[in-house]
Protein backbone atom coordinates (compact mmCIF):
# COMPACT_ATOMS: atom_id res chain seq x y z
CA MET A 1 18.21 -93.96 81.77
CA VAL A 2 19.74 -96.00 78.93
CA ASN A 3 21.54 -99.20 79.87
CA LEU A 4 24.50 -99.86 77.57
CA ASP A 5 25.40 -103.41 76.64
CA THR A 6 28.82 -104.93 76.11
CA SER A 7 28.84 -104.80 72.32
CA PHE A 8 27.96 -101.10 72.36
CA ILE A 9 30.77 -100.25 74.79
CA VAL A 10 33.37 -102.39 73.02
CA ALA A 11 32.43 -100.70 69.74
CA ALA A 12 32.73 -97.30 71.42
CA LEU A 13 36.19 -98.11 72.78
CA SER A 14 37.76 -99.99 69.88
CA GLN A 15 37.60 -100.38 66.10
CA GLU A 16 34.55 -102.46 65.26
CA ALA A 17 32.22 -102.50 62.27
CA THR A 18 29.70 -100.47 64.28
CA THR A 19 32.12 -97.99 65.88
CA ARG A 20 31.03 -95.01 63.73
CA ILE A 21 27.35 -95.73 64.42
CA VAL A 22 28.01 -95.94 68.17
CA HIS A 23 30.04 -92.71 68.17
CA ASP A 24 27.30 -90.94 66.21
CA TRP A 25 24.68 -92.17 68.68
CA LEU A 26 26.75 -90.98 71.65
CA GLU A 27 27.25 -87.58 70.02
CA SER A 28 23.55 -87.14 69.36
CA HIS A 29 22.31 -88.49 72.71
CA GLY A 30 25.08 -87.43 75.10
CA THR A 31 26.30 -89.41 78.08
CA GLU A 32 24.28 -87.88 80.90
CA HIS A 33 21.69 -90.62 81.27
CA LEU A 34 23.73 -93.73 80.53
CA ALA A 35 23.96 -96.74 82.81
CA ILE A 36 26.36 -99.67 82.79
CA SER A 37 25.77 -102.75 84.90
CA ASP A 38 28.49 -104.45 86.92
CA TRP A 39 28.09 -107.50 84.70
CA THR A 40 28.65 -105.40 81.57
CA ILE A 41 31.84 -103.97 83.05
CA THR A 42 33.08 -107.53 83.57
CA GLU A 43 32.16 -108.50 80.01
CA VAL A 44 33.88 -105.42 78.54
CA SER A 45 37.04 -106.21 80.49
CA SER A 46 36.91 -109.77 79.16
CA ALA A 47 36.33 -108.63 75.57
CA LEU A 48 39.33 -106.30 75.75
CA ALA A 49 41.43 -109.10 77.24
CA VAL A 50 40.47 -111.35 74.30
CA LYS A 51 41.45 -108.59 71.86
CA LEU A 52 44.80 -108.32 73.64
CA ARG A 53 45.44 -112.08 73.62
CA THR A 54 44.54 -112.40 69.93
CA GLY A 55 46.75 -109.49 68.94
CA SER A 56 43.88 -107.24 67.87
CA ILE A 57 45.16 -104.60 70.28
CA SER A 58 48.47 -104.01 72.06
CA LEU A 59 48.99 -103.57 75.79
CA ASP A 60 49.42 -99.82 75.20
CA GLN A 61 46.17 -99.73 73.22
CA ARG A 62 44.37 -101.60 76.01
CA ALA A 63 45.62 -99.05 78.53
CA ALA A 64 44.38 -96.24 76.26
CA LEU A 65 41.02 -97.99 75.91
CA ALA A 66 40.80 -98.27 79.68
CA GLU A 67 41.35 -94.52 79.96
CA ALA A 68 38.70 -93.91 77.30
CA GLY A 69 36.36 -96.09 79.33
CA LEU A 70 36.42 -93.48 82.05
CA LEU A 71 34.40 -91.27 79.70
CA LEU A 72 31.65 -93.88 79.87
CA GLY A 73 31.96 -94.29 83.62
CA ILE A 74 33.73 -97.65 83.53
CA PRO A 75 36.22 -97.97 86.40
CA THR A 76 39.77 -98.09 85.01
CA ARG A 77 40.82 -100.80 87.47
CA LEU A 78 38.39 -103.19 85.80
CA LEU A 79 39.36 -102.44 82.22
CA ALA A 80 43.11 -102.14 82.75
CA ALA A 81 43.57 -105.35 84.72
CA ALA A 82 46.05 -107.81 83.30
CA PRO A 83 44.44 -110.41 81.04
């Protein structure tokens, strides 16, 4: 089991300097044996809220990122909550 941290997930869901590296890693390792802690889910939600408040992403983009989070097993209700 591989436990993913917040920076990895945020890079997977949005445009970060390490996004390509993260996507390549996911493609080569798959998503079968990934784990995400409850605390990480909270941190990811917070990071996306900061991106929304600072104008880095729009509300529509945040909703799309929340949907993408489902691919990583992150409950949509936590990522799509209002900032």
